[in-house]
Amino acid sequence: MDDDTSYADDPRVPLITFTETREAIALLRHLSEQDTEEGHRAGQLASDLARRLPEPA
């Protein structure tokens, strides 16, 4: 994968709960603290996912 990877155009399937998604985002953000290519990609994916979530009620 390159640095411009985007998952926005991939097909979506509703297989994860809101809580599971929030936990996955938290883990990705933790991984993004690494100063590596993988850490950068984890941060980008966390941002992409977080933007799609509705605000908590």
PDB file of N, CA and C in Angstrom:
ATOM      1  N   MET A   1       0.835  -1.179   0.000  1.00  0.00           N
ATOM      2  CA  MET A   1       0.000   0.000   0.000  1.00  0.00           C
ATOM      3  C   MET A   1       0.880   1.243   0.000  1.00  0.00           C
ATOM      4  N   ASP A   2       0.373   2.274  -0.627  1.00  0.00           N
ATOM      5  CA  ASP A   2       1.107   3.534  -0.607  1.00  0.00           C
ATOM      6  C   ASP A   2       0.462   4.490   0.385  1.00  0.00           C
ATOM      7  N   ASP A   3       1.061   5.659   0.551  1.00  0.00           N
ATOM      8  CA  ASP A   3       0.572   6.621   1.543  1.00  0.00           C
ATOM      9  C   ASP A   3      -0.774   7.222   1.186  1.00  0.00           C
ATOM     10  N   ASP A   4      -1.199   7.104  -0.071  1.00  0.00           N
ATOM     11  CA  ASP A   4      -2.459   7.694  -0.508  1.00  0.00           C
ATOM     12  C   ASP A   4      -3.611   6.692  -0.478  1.00  0.00           C
ATOM     13  N   THR A   5      -3.451   5.600   0.249  1.00  0.00           N
ATOM     14  CA  THR A   5      -4.482   4.578   0.323  1.00  0.00           C
ATOM     15  C   THR A   5      -5.758   5.158   0.909  1.00  0.00           C
ATOM     16  N   SER A   6      -6.868   4.908   0.231  1.00  0.00           N
ATOM     17  CA  SER A   6      -8.171   5.321   0.735  1.00  0.00           C
ATOM     18  C   SER A   6      -9.106   4.132   0.633  1.00  0.00           C
ATOM     19  N   TYR A   7      -9.922   3.971   1.639  1.00  0.00           N
ATOM     20  CA  TYR A   7     -10.851   2.852   1.662  1.00  0.00           C
ATOM     21  C   TYR A   7     -12.266   3.292   1.309  1.00  0.00           C
ATOM     22  N   ALA A   8     -12.426   4.543   0.952  1.00  0.00           N
ATOM     23  CA  ALA A   8     -13.759   5.108   0.721  1.00  0.00           C
ATOM     24  C   ALA A   8     -14.498   4.446  -0.436  1.00  0.00           C
ATOM     25  N   ASP A   9     -13.785   3.962  -1.443  1.00  0.00           N
ATOM     26  CA  ASP A   9     -14.438   3.383  -2.614  1.00  0.00           C
ATOM     27  C   ASP A   9     -14.657   1.881  -2.513  1.00  0.00           C
ATOM     28  N   ASP A  10     -14.138   1.255  -1.466  1.00  0.00           N
ATOM     29  CA  ASP A  10     -14.317  -0.185  -1.300  1.00  0.00           C
ATOM     30  C   ASP A  10     -15.767  -0.491  -0.935  1.00  0.00           C
ATOM     31  N   PRO A  11     -16.271  -1.670  -1.340  1.00  0.00           N
ATOM     32  CA  PRO A  11     -17.627  -2.054  -0.940  1.00  0.00           C
ATOM     33  C   PRO A  11     -17.719  -2.133   0.587  1.00  0.00           C
ATOM     34  N   ARG A  12     -18.847  -1.766   1.125  1.00  0.00           N
ATOM     35  CA  ARG A  12     -19.037  -1.782   2.581  1.00  0.00           C
ATOM     36  C   ARG A  12     -20.036  -2.859   2.971  1.00  0.00           C
ATOM     37  N   VAL A  13     -19.767  -3.470   4.122  1.00  0.00           N
ATOM     38  CA  VAL A  13     -20.659  -4.485   4.663  1.00  0.00           C
ATOM     39  C   VAL A  13     -20.864  -4.202   6.152  1.00  0.00           C
ATOM     40  N   PRO A  14     -22.104  -4.167   6.617  1.00  0.00           N
ATOM     41  CA  PRO A  14     -22.365  -3.851   8.024  1.00  0.00           C
ATOM     42  C   PRO A  14     -22.167  -5.072   8.929  1.00  0.00           C
ATOM     43  N   LEU A  15     -20.929  -5.300   9.337  1.00  0.00           N
ATOM     44  CA  LEU A  15     -20.641  -6.484  10.146  1.00  0.00           C
ATOM     45  C   LEU A  15     -20.058  -6.155  11.513  1.00  0.00           C
ATOM     46  N   ILE A  16     -20.063  -4.892  11.885  1.00  0.00           N
ATOM     47  CA  ILE A  16     -19.417  -4.494  13.126  1.00  0.00           C
ATOM     48  C   ILE A  16     -20.334  -3.523  13.874  1.00  0.00           C
ATOM     49  N   THR A  17     -20.335  -3.636  15.178  1.00  0.00           N
ATOM     50  CA  THR A  17     -21.179  -2.748  15.973  1.00  0.00           C
ATOM     51  C   THR A  17     -20.498  -1.388  16.152  1.00  0.00           C
ATOM     52  N   PHE A  18     -21.276  -0.411  16.599  1.00  0.00           N
ATOM     53  CA  PHE A  18     -20.745   0.920  16.867  1.00  0.00           C
ATOM     54  C   PHE A  18     -19.631   0.840  17.909  1.00  0.00           C
ATOM     55  N   THR A  19     -19.861   0.094  18.983  1.00  0.00           N
ATOM     56  CA  THR A  19     -18.870  -0.040  20.050  1.00  0.00           C
ATOM     57  C   THR A  19     -17.594  -0.700  19.539  1.00  0.00           C
ATOM     58  N   GLU A  20     -17.734  -1.750  18.759  1.00  0.00           N
ATOM     59  CA  GLU A  20     -16.560  -2.419  18.192  1.00  0.00           C
ATOM     60  C   GLU A  20     -15.771  -1.475  17.286  1.00  0.00           C
ATOM     61  N   THR A  21     -16.490  -0.656  16.540  1.00  0.00           N
ATOM     62  CA  THR A  21     -15.826   0.300  15.660  1.00  0.00           C
ATOM     63  C   THR A  21     -15.041   1.324  16.471  1.00  0.00           C
ATOM     64  N   ARG A  22     -15.640   1.851  17.532  1.00  0.00           N
ATOM     65  CA  ARG A  22     -14.942   2.821  18.393  1.00  0.00           C
ATOM     66  C   ARG A  22     -13.692   2.197  19.010  1.00  0.00           C
ATOM     67  N   GLU A  23     -13.779   0.935  19.424  1.00  0.00           N
ATOM     68  CA  GLU A  23     -12.625   0.257  20.012  1.00  0.00           C
ATOM     69  C   GLU A  23     -11.532   0.034  18.959  1.00  0.00           C
ATOM     70  N   ALA A  24     -11.923  -0.331  17.752  1.00  0.00           N
ATOM     71  CA  ALA A  24     -10.953  -0.517  16.673  1.00  0.00           C
ATOM     72  C   ALA A  24     -10.248   0.803  16.351  1.00  0.00           C
ATOM     73  N   ILE A  25     -10.997   1.887  16.333  1.00  0.00           N
ATOM     74  CA  ILE A  25     -10.410   3.205  16.069  1.00  0.00           C
ATOM     75  C   ILE A  25      -9.408   3.559  17.171  1.00  0.00           C
ATOM     76  N   ALA A  26      -9.751   3.279  18.416  1.00  0.00           N
ATOM     77  CA  ALA A  26      -8.832   3.560  19.525  1.00  0.00           C
ATOM     78  C   ALA A  26      -7.535   2.767  19.370  1.00  0.00           C
ATOM     79  N   LEU A  27      -7.641   1.506  18.976  1.00  0.00           N
ATOM     80  CA  LEU A  27      -6.441   0.691  18.766  1.00  0.00           C
ATOM     81  C   LEU A  27      -5.617   1.205  17.590  1.00  0.00           C
ATOM     82  N   LEU A  28      -6.287   1.587  16.517  1.00  0.00           N
ATOM     83  CA  LEU A  28      -5.570   2.140  15.363  1.00  0.00           C
ATOM     84  C   LEU A  28      -4.857   3.437  15.744  1.00  0.00           C
ATOM     85  N   ARG A  29      -5.496   4.269  16.534  1.00  0.00           N
ATOM     86  CA  ARG A  29      -4.851   5.520  16.977  1.00  0.00           C
ATOM     87  C   ARG A  29      -3.622   5.223  17.822  1.00  0.00           C
ATOM     88  N   HIS A  30      -3.715   4.196  18.656  1.00  0.00           N
ATOM     89  CA  HIS A  30      -2.554   3.796  19.461  1.00  0.00           C
ATOM     90  C   HIS A  30      -1.418   3.345  18.535  1.00  0.00           C
ATOM     91  N   LEU A  31      -1.740   2.529  17.548  1.00  0.00           N
ATOM     92  CA  LEU A  31      -0.722   2.078  16.596  1.00  0.00           C
ATOM     93  C   LEU A  31      -0.140   3.241  15.799  1.00  0.00           C
ATOM     94  N   SER A  32      -0.940   4.265  15.560  1.00  0.00           N
ATOM     95  CA  SER A  32      -0.480   5.394  14.758  1.00  0.00           C
ATOM     96  C   SER A  32       0.595   6.212  15.466  1.00  0.00           C
ATOM     97  N   GLU A  33       0.795   5.982  16.750  1.00  0.00           N
ATOM     98  CA  GLU A  33       1.836   6.690  17.493  1.00  0.00           C
ATOM     99  C   GLU A  33       3.234   6.202  17.126  1.00  0.00           C
ATOM    100  N   GLN A  34       3.309   5.049  16.441  1.00  0.00           N
ATOM    101  CA  GLN A  34       4.599   4.542  15.984  1.00  0.00           C
ATOM    102  C   GLN A  34       5.062   5.371  14.790  1.00  0.00           C
ATOM    103  N   ASP A  35       6.318   5.680  14.761  1.00  0.00           N
ATOM    104  CA  ASP A  35       6.879   6.466  13.660  1.00  0.00           C
ATOM    105  C   ASP A  35       7.315   5.528  12.540  1.00  0.00           C
ATOM    106  N   THR A  36       6.309   4.854  11.953  1.00  0.00           N
ATOM    107  CA  THR A  36       6.567   3.904  10.877  1.00  0.00           C
ATOM    108  C   THR A  36       5.529   4.103   9.778  1.00  0.00           C
ATOM    109  N   GLU A  37       5.757   3.470   8.647  1.00  0.00           N
ATOM    110  CA  GLU A  37       4.769   3.518   7.562  1.00  0.00           C
ATOM    111  C   GLU A  37       3.451   2.904   8.017  1.00  0.00           C
ATOM    112  N   GLU A  38       3.538   1.808   8.759  1.00  0.00           N
ATOM    113  CA  GLU A  38       2.331   1.154   9.261  1.00  0.00           C
ATOM    114  C   GLU A  38       1.590   2.061  10.240  1.00  0.00           C
ATOM    115  N   GLY A  39       2.342   2.776  11.082  1.00  0.00           N
ATOM    116  CA  GLY A  39       1.728   3.706  12.015  1.00  0.00           C
ATOM    117  C   GLY A  39       0.995   4.821  11.284  1.00  0.00           C
ATOM    118  N   HIS A  40       1.598   5.309  10.219  1.00  0.00           N
ATOM    119  CA  HIS A  40       0.952   6.352   9.414  1.00  0.00           C
ATOM    120  C   HIS A  40      -0.338   5.818   8.792  1.00  0.00           C
ATOM    121  N   ARG A  41      -0.285   4.610   8.243  1.00  0.00           N
ATOM    122  CA  ARG A  41      -1.479   4.018   7.627  1.00  0.00           C
ATOM    123  C   ARG A  41      -2.564   3.766   8.669  1.00  0.00           C
ATOM    124  N   ALA A  42      -2.160   3.332   9.873  1.00  0.00           N
ATOM    125  CA  ALA A  42      -3.139   3.110  10.947  1.00  0.00           C
ATOM    126  C   ALA A  42      -3.839   4.416  11.299  1.00  0.00           C
ATOM    127  N   GLY A  43      -3.090   5.502  11.348  1.00  0.00           N
ATOM    128  CA  GLY A  43      -3.675   6.801  11.646  1.00  0.00           C
ATOM    129  C   GLY A  43      -4.634   7.258  10.564  1.00  0.00           C
ATOM    130  N   GLN A  44      -4.268   7.013   9.319  1.00  0.00           N
ATOM    131  CA  GLN A  44      -5.139   7.403   8.211  1.00  0.00           C
ATOM    132  C   GLN A  44      -6.442   6.600   8.241  1.00  0.00           C
ATOM    133  N   LEU A  45      -6.343   5.299   8.480  1.00  0.00           N
ATOM    134  CA  LEU A  45      -7.536   4.467   8.549  1.00  0.00           C
ATOM    135  C   LEU A  45      -8.410   4.869   9.736  1.00  0.00           C
ATOM    136  N   ALA A  46      -7.798   5.153  10.875  1.00  0.00           N
ATOM    137  CA  ALA A  46      -8.560   5.601  12.042  1.00  0.00           C
ATOM    138  C   ALA A  46      -9.333   6.876  11.717  1.00  0.00           C
ATOM    139  N   SER A  47      -8.685   7.800  11.033  1.00  0.00           N
ATOM    140  CA  SER A  47      -9.356   9.051  10.651  1.00  0.00           C
ATOM    141  C   SER A  47     -10.498   8.800   9.684  1.00  0.00           C
ATOM    142  N   ASP A  48     -10.255   7.942   8.691  1.00  0.00           N
ATOM    143  CA  ASP A  48     -11.300   7.624   7.713  1.00  0.00           C
ATOM    144  C   ASP A  48     -12.526   7.022   8.397  1.00  0.00           C
ATOM    145  N   LEU A  49     -12.288   6.088   9.311  1.00  0.00           N
ATOM    146  CA  LEU A  49     -13.399   5.440  10.010  1.00  0.00           C
ATOM    147  C   LEU A  49     -14.122   6.410  10.940  1.00  0.00           C
ATOM    148  N   ALA A  50     -13.363   7.202  11.677  1.00  0.00           N
ATOM    149  CA  ALA A  50     -13.962   8.133  12.643  1.00  0.00           C
ATOM    150  C   ALA A  50     -14.862   9.153  11.948  1.00  0.00           C
ATOM    151  N   ARG A  51     -14.475   9.584  10.767  1.00  0.00           N
ATOM    152  CA  ARG A  51     -15.301  10.570  10.027  1.00  0.00           C
ATOM    153  C   ARG A  51     -16.652   9.988   9.635  1.00  0.00           C
ATOM    154  N   ARG A  52     -16.752   8.689   9.481  1.00  0.00           N
ATOM    155  CA  ARG A  52     -18.006   8.056   9.049  1.00  0.00           C
ATOM    156  C   ARG A  52     -18.953   7.762  10.209  1.00  0.00           C
ATOM    157  N   LEU A  53     -18.465   7.805  11.422  1.00  0.00           N
ATOM    158  CA  LEU A  53     -19.306   7.465  12.564  1.00  0.00           C
ATOM    159  C   LEU A  53     -20.239   8.615  12.928  1.00  0.00           C
ATOM    160  N   PRO A  54     -21.466   8.289  13.323  1.00  0.00           N
ATOM    161  CA  PRO A  54     -22.359   9.338  13.826  1.00  0.00           C
ATOM    162  C   PRO A  54     -21.869   9.793  15.204  1.00  0.00           C
ATOM    163  N   GLU A  55     -22.249  10.987  15.582  1.00  0.00           N
ATOM    164  CA  GLU A  55     -21.915  11.488  16.915  1.00  0.00           C
ATOM    165  C   GLU A  55     -22.670  10.665  17.950  1.00  0.00           C
ATOM    166  N   PRO A  56     -22.016  10.349  19.082  1.00  0.00           N
ATOM    167  CA  PRO A  56     -22.719   9.599  20.139  1.00  0.00           C
ATOM    168  C   PRO A  56     -23.922  10.395  20.650  1.00  0.00           C
ATOM    169  N   ALA A  57     -24.964   9.671  20.992  1.00  0.00           N
ATOM    170  CA  ALA A  57     -26.195  10.335  21.483  1.00  0.00           C
ATOM    171  C   ALA A  57     -26.041  10.804  22.894  1.00  0.00           C
TER     172      ALA A  57
END
